[in-house]
Amino acid sequence: MARRKPPRFDPAAASRRHRSMKPDPARQVADSPHHDHFADIDSGQIIEFRSDKIEQLQREIATEMGFDIIHHRRELYCRKKP
């Protein structure tokens, strides 16, 4: 899993940035295989992860609700357990 550390994490700025971002599926495909992110709110570290269970569950839920997923983005804002 890739690990990178951005400048000090600012939850409010991240939330604004997330809401203003338009999905760009072509960019995701070009950059790397699909993955999601944990953002450690204390250290600012971003940890990429992939879960086939999550991917399957969201496809099932979308289908049950009558949708096809075109693009999605998952960022989990987290704090390490003590």
Protein backbone atom coordinates (compact mmCIF):
# COMPACT_ATOMS: atom_id res chain seq x y z
CA MET A 1 0.00 0.00 0.00
CA ALA A 2 1.25 3.45 -0.85
CA ARG A 3 1.84 5.90 1.96
CA ARG A 4 2.39 9.60 1.66
CA LYS A 5 2.38 12.50 4.08
CA PRO A 6 0.90 15.81 2.91
CA PRO A 7 1.27 19.12 4.72
CA ARG A 8 -0.55 19.40 8.08
CA PHE A 9 -4.08 18.04 7.72
CA ASP A 10 -6.91 20.59 7.88
CA PRO A 11 -10.30 18.80 8.11
CA ALA A 12 -12.27 21.93 7.14
CA ALA A 13 -10.13 22.56 4.05
CA ALA A 14 -10.31 18.88 3.08
CA SER A 15 -14.08 18.96 3.38
CA ARG A 16 -14.33 22.09 1.19
CA ARG A 17 -11.93 20.59 -1.36
CA HIS A 18 -13.87 17.30 -1.40
CA ARG A 19 -17.22 19.02 -1.99
CA SER A 20 -15.83 21.17 -4.81
CA MET A 21 -14.13 18.33 -6.70
CA LYS A 22 -15.86 17.02 -9.79
CA PRO A 23 -15.31 13.32 -10.52
CA ASP A 24 -12.86 12.64 -13.32
CA PRO A 25 -13.00 8.90 -14.05
CA ALA A 26 -10.47 9.23 -16.87
CA ARG A 27 -7.90 10.68 -14.45
CA GLN A 28 -8.46 7.87 -11.94
CA VAL A 29 -7.87 5.23 -14.61
CA ALA A 30 -4.76 6.99 -15.87
CA ASP A 31 -3.23 7.52 -12.43
CA SER A 32 -3.54 4.09 -10.84
CA PRO A 33 -5.94 1.24 -10.11
CA HIS A 34 -8.97 2.23 -8.03
CA HIS A 35 -8.29 2.66 -4.34
CA ASP A 36 -9.72 4.53 -1.35
CA HIS A 37 -8.06 6.56 1.39
CA PHE A 38 -7.70 6.75 5.14
CA ALA A 39 -6.73 10.27 6.25
CA ASP A 40 -5.17 10.30 9.72
CA ILE A 41 -6.49 13.56 11.19
CA ASP A 42 -3.69 13.74 13.77
CA SER A 43 -0.65 13.12 11.57
CA GLY A 44 -2.04 14.14 8.18
CA GLN A 45 -0.86 10.83 6.73
CA ILE A 46 -2.87 9.49 3.78
CA ILE A 47 -3.04 5.70 3.47
CA GLU A 48 -4.35 4.14 0.28
CA PHE A 49 -6.31 0.89 0.55
CA ARG A 50 -8.47 -1.39 -1.53
CA SER A 51 -11.28 -3.63 -0.31
CA ASP A 52 -13.06 -6.03 -2.64
CA LYS A 53 -15.73 -6.45 0.08
CA ILE A 54 -16.53 -2.72 0.07
CA GLU A 55 -16.56 -2.56 -3.72
CA GLN A 56 -18.96 -5.52 -3.96
CA LEU A 57 -21.25 -4.18 -1.22
CA GLN A 58 -21.58 -0.76 -2.82
CA ARG A 59 -22.40 -2.37 -6.21
CA GLU A 60 -25.09 -4.48 -4.51
CA ILE A 61 -26.57 -1.46 -2.74
CA ALA A 62 -26.56 0.63 -5.92
CA THR A 63 -28.28 -2.18 -7.84
CA GLU A 64 -30.92 -2.63 -5.11
CA MET A 65 -31.62 1.10 -5.29
CA GLY A 66 -31.80 1.10 -9.09
CA PHE A 67 -28.48 2.79 -9.85
CA ASP A 68 -25.33 2.05 -11.82
CA ILE A 69 -22.18 3.48 -10.22
CA ILE A 70 -20.35 5.70 -12.68
CA HIS A 71 -17.66 6.97 -10.33
CA HIS A 72 -17.09 7.16 -6.61
CA ARG A 73 -14.57 8.52 -4.19
CA ARG A 74 -14.04 7.35 -0.63
CA GLU A 75 -12.03 9.21 1.97
CA LEU A 76 -12.28 8.05 5.56
CA TYR A 77 -11.13 10.63 8.10
CA CYS A 78 -9.72 8.61 10.98
CA ARG A 79 -7.74 8.66 14.19
CA LYS A 80 -5.51 5.74 15.22
CA LYS A 81 -6.76 3.77 18.18
CA PRO A 82 -4.68 4.19 21.36
